[in-house]
Amino acid sequence: MERIVLEVDSALAKAWKNSSAALRAVYEKKIVAVLKEFKDAEVDENGFTKAQSDFLAKEAAKGFARYEWWNDEEMIAELDQIEADLKSGKDKGRSWEEVKETLLNKFKRDN
């Protein structure tokens, strides 16, 4: 028997647990159908279907250049404005303690 583990966040897990058996059965059928489709799909040595490989080749052919934020005049202007606001006192900024407290409180809420 093969085992597949799906990771979900706590809110989704709670919603699943609290949903009706009938609703879970509907979604289980959909999940099984998707998994069967994955299992039956022909994949290359990298694990991609032909459609996926074609999509990736098409995207690669577009020749996207690496984004260099330091050459982005709008980004530099925004950073310069933030710096000026901090230096002038227009923006008071936040202390490390405030940032740390915010992050710790967010972590507590999420768990």
C-alpha atoms as a PDB file:
ATOM      1  CA  MET A   1       0.000   0.000   0.000  1.00  0.00           C
ATOM      2  CA  GLU A   2       1.254   3.463  -0.887  1.00  0.00           C
ATOM      3  CA  ARG A   3       0.864   6.326   1.539  1.00  0.00           C
ATOM      4  CA  ILE A   4       0.496   9.960   0.583  1.00  0.00           C
ATOM      5  CA  VAL A   5       0.619  12.655   3.239  1.00  0.00           C
ATOM      6  CA  LEU A   6      -0.989  16.023   2.600  1.00  0.00           C
ATOM      7  CA  GLU A   7       0.145  18.861   4.839  1.00  0.00           C
ATOM      8  CA  VAL A   8      -2.377  21.574   5.638  1.00  0.00           C
ATOM      9  CA  ASP A   9      -2.428  24.520   7.999  1.00  0.00           C
ATOM     10  CA  SER A  10      -4.260  24.334  11.315  1.00  0.00           C
ATOM     11  CA  ALA A  11      -7.333  26.262  10.083  1.00  0.00           C
ATOM     12  CA  LEU A  12      -7.862  23.897   7.156  1.00  0.00           C
ATOM     13  CA  ALA A  13      -7.334  20.849   9.362  1.00  0.00           C
ATOM     14  CA  LYS A  14      -9.915  22.176  11.823  1.00  0.00           C
ATOM     15  CA  ALA A  15     -12.391  22.880   9.015  1.00  0.00           C
ATOM     16  CA  TRP A  16     -11.901  19.346   7.669  1.00  0.00           C
ATOM     17  CA  LYS A  17     -12.384  17.821  11.112  1.00  0.00           C
ATOM     18  CA  ASN A  18     -15.565  19.827  11.705  1.00  0.00           C
ATOM     19  CA  SER A  19     -17.105  19.189   8.277  1.00  0.00           C
ATOM     20  CA  SER A  20     -19.814  16.605   7.742  1.00  0.00           C
ATOM     21  CA  ALA A  21     -18.977  13.040   6.757  1.00  0.00           C
ATOM     22  CA  ALA A  22     -20.879  13.535   3.486  1.00  0.00           C
ATOM     23  CA  LEU A  23     -18.820  16.594   2.560  1.00  0.00           C
ATOM     24  CA  ARG A  24     -15.563  14.820   3.451  1.00  0.00           C
ATOM     25  CA  ALA A  25     -16.632  11.887   1.247  1.00  0.00           C
ATOM     26  CA  VAL A  26     -17.164  14.233  -1.718  1.00  0.00           C
ATOM     27  CA  TYR A  27     -13.709  15.739  -1.299  1.00  0.00           C
ATOM     28  CA  GLU A  28     -12.101  12.353  -0.720  1.00  0.00           C
ATOM     29  CA  LYS A  29     -13.484  11.217  -4.106  1.00  0.00           C
ATOM     30  CA  LYS A  30     -12.020  14.326  -5.749  1.00  0.00           C
ATOM     31  CA  ILE A  31      -8.648  13.748  -4.070  1.00  0.00           C
ATOM     32  CA  VAL A  32      -8.608  10.097  -5.152  1.00  0.00           C
ATOM     33  CA  ALA A  33      -9.412  11.133  -8.734  1.00  0.00           C
ATOM     34  CA  VAL A  34      -6.555  13.642  -8.783  1.00  0.00           C
ATOM     35  CA  LEU A  35      -4.135  11.119  -7.289  1.00  0.00           C
ATOM     36  CA  LYS A  36      -5.198   8.512  -9.879  1.00  0.00           C
ATOM     37  CA  GLU A  37      -4.592  11.065 -12.623  1.00  0.00           C
ATOM     38  CA  PHE A  38      -1.097  11.708 -11.239  1.00  0.00           C
ATOM     39  CA  LYS A  39      -0.395   8.008 -11.000  1.00  0.00           C
ATOM     40  CA  ASP A  40      -1.581   7.362 -14.575  1.00  0.00           C
ATOM     41  CA  ALA A  41       0.262  10.340 -16.067  1.00  0.00           C
ATOM     42  CA  GLU A  42       3.257   9.577 -18.237  1.00  0.00           C
ATOM     43  CA  VAL A  43       6.243  11.485 -16.941  1.00  0.00           C
ATOM     44  CA  ASP A  44       9.788  12.031 -18.164  1.00  0.00           C
ATOM     45  CA  GLU A  45      12.992  11.351 -16.228  1.00  0.00           C
ATOM     46  CA  ASN A  46      12.448  14.594 -14.272  1.00  0.00           C
ATOM     47  CA  GLY A  47       8.926  13.669 -13.220  1.00  0.00           C
ATOM     48  CA  PHE A  48       7.193  16.143 -15.580  1.00  0.00           C
ATOM     49  CA  THR A  49       4.314  15.377 -17.921  1.00  0.00           C
ATOM     50  CA  LYS A  50       4.649  16.402 -21.565  1.00  0.00           C
ATOM     51  CA  ALA A  51       2.364  19.384 -20.951  1.00  0.00           C
ATOM     52  CA  GLN A  52       4.501  20.504 -18.011  1.00  0.00           C
ATOM     53  CA  SER A  53       7.733  20.083 -19.962  1.00  0.00           C
ATOM     54  CA  ASP A  54       6.285  22.027 -22.902  1.00  0.00           C
ATOM     55  CA  PHE A  55       5.168  24.828 -20.569  1.00  0.00           C
ATOM     56  CA  LEU A  56       8.592  25.046 -18.909  1.00  0.00           C
ATOM     57  CA  ALA A  57      10.371  25.052 -22.272  1.00  0.00           C
ATOM     58  CA  LYS A  58       8.076  27.845 -23.503  1.00  0.00           C
ATOM     59  CA  GLU A  59       8.733  29.913 -20.385  1.00  0.00           C
ATOM     60  CA  ALA A  60      12.488  29.333 -20.601  1.00  0.00           C
ATOM     61  CA  ALA A  61      12.446  30.434 -24.243  1.00  0.00           C
ATOM     62  CA  LYS A  62      11.081  33.818 -23.188  1.00  0.00           C
ATOM     63  CA  GLY A  63      14.496  34.489 -21.670  1.00  0.00           C
ATOM     64  CA  PHE A  64      13.430  36.195 -18.470  1.00  0.00           C
ATOM     65  CA  ALA A  65      16.225  38.333 -17.122  1.00  0.00           C
ATOM     66  CA  ARG A  66      17.110  38.314 -13.472  1.00  0.00           C
ATOM     67  CA  TYR A  67      15.469  41.187 -11.597  1.00  0.00           C
ATOM     68  CA  GLU A  68      18.133  43.571 -10.317  1.00  0.00           C
ATOM     69  CA  TRP A  69      16.404  45.820  -7.823  1.00  0.00           C
ATOM     70  CA  TRP A  70      19.418  48.094  -7.538  1.00  0.00           C
ATOM     71  CA  ASN A  71      18.881  49.094 -11.187  1.00  0.00           C
ATOM     72  CA  ASP A  72      15.164  49.755 -10.649  1.00  0.00           C
ATOM     73  CA  GLU A  73      14.833  53.564 -10.429  1.00  0.00           C
ATOM     74  CA  GLU A  74      11.375  53.356  -8.841  1.00  0.00           C
ATOM     75  CA  MET A  75      12.609  50.945  -6.158  1.00  0.00           C
ATOM     76  CA  ILE A  76      15.671  53.104  -5.395  1.00  0.00           C
ATOM     77  CA  ALA A  77      13.488  56.237  -5.164  1.00  0.00           C
ATOM     78  CA  GLU A  78      11.169  54.461  -2.707  1.00  0.00           C
ATOM     79  CA  LEU A  79      14.117  53.304  -0.580  1.00  0.00           C
ATOM     80  CA  ASP A  80      15.622  56.800  -0.645  1.00  0.00           C
ATOM     81  CA  GLN A  81      12.287  58.247   0.524  1.00  0.00           C
ATOM     82  CA  ILE A  82      12.064  55.719   3.366  1.00  0.00           C
ATOM     83  CA  GLU A  83      15.609  56.600   4.418  1.00  0.00           C
ATOM     84  CA  ALA A  84      14.851  60.337   4.312  1.00  0.00           C
ATOM     85  CA  ASP A  85      11.668  59.871   6.368  1.00  0.00           C
ATOM     86  CA  LEU A  86      13.554  57.900   9.001  1.00  0.00           C
ATOM     87  CA  LYS A  87      16.405  60.416   9.185  1.00  0.00           C
ATOM     88  CA  SER A  88      14.039  63.423   9.417  1.00  0.00           C
ATOM     89  CA  GLY A  89      11.887  61.790  12.085  1.00  0.00           C
ATOM     90  CA  LYS A  90       8.759  61.855   9.884  1.00  0.00           C
ATOM     91  CA  ASP A  91       8.733  58.073  10.286  1.00  0.00           C
ATOM     92  CA  LYS A  92       9.727  57.037  13.798  1.00  0.00           C
ATOM     93  CA  GLY A  93      10.522  53.480  12.694  1.00  0.00           C
ATOM     94  CA  ARG A  94      10.237  50.545  15.075  1.00  0.00           C
ATOM     95  CA  SER A  95      12.601  49.309  17.725  1.00  0.00           C
ATOM     96  CA  TRP A  96      13.962  45.778  17.680  1.00  0.00           C
ATOM     97  CA  GLU A  97      11.853  45.024  20.776  1.00  0.00           C
ATOM     98  CA  GLU A  98       8.659  46.101  18.954  1.00  0.00           C
ATOM     99  CA  VAL A  99       9.499  43.994  15.911  1.00  0.00           C
ATOM    100  CA  LYS A 100      10.412  41.006  18.079  1.00  0.00           C
ATOM    101  CA  GLU A 101       7.180  41.281  20.081  1.00  0.00           C
ATOM    102  CA  THR A 102       5.097  41.495  16.896  1.00  0.00           C
ATOM    103  CA  LEU A 103       6.754  38.414  15.441  1.00  0.00           C
ATOM    104  CA  LEU A 104       6.435  36.417  18.664  1.00  0.00           C
ATOM    105  CA  ASN A 105       2.744  37.341  18.963  1.00  0.00           C
ATOM    106  CA  LYS A 106       2.119  36.334  15.347  1.00  0.00           C
ATOM    107  CA  PHE A 107       3.828  33.009  15.960  1.00  0.00           C
ATOM    108  CA  LYS A 108       1.641  32.399  19.042  1.00  0.00           C
ATOM    109  CA  ARG A 109      -1.540  33.176  17.043  1.00  0.00           C
ATOM    110  CA  ASP A 110      -0.589  30.819  14.207  1.00  0.00           C
ATOM    111  CA  ASN A 111       0.067  27.866  16.526  1.00  0.00           C
END
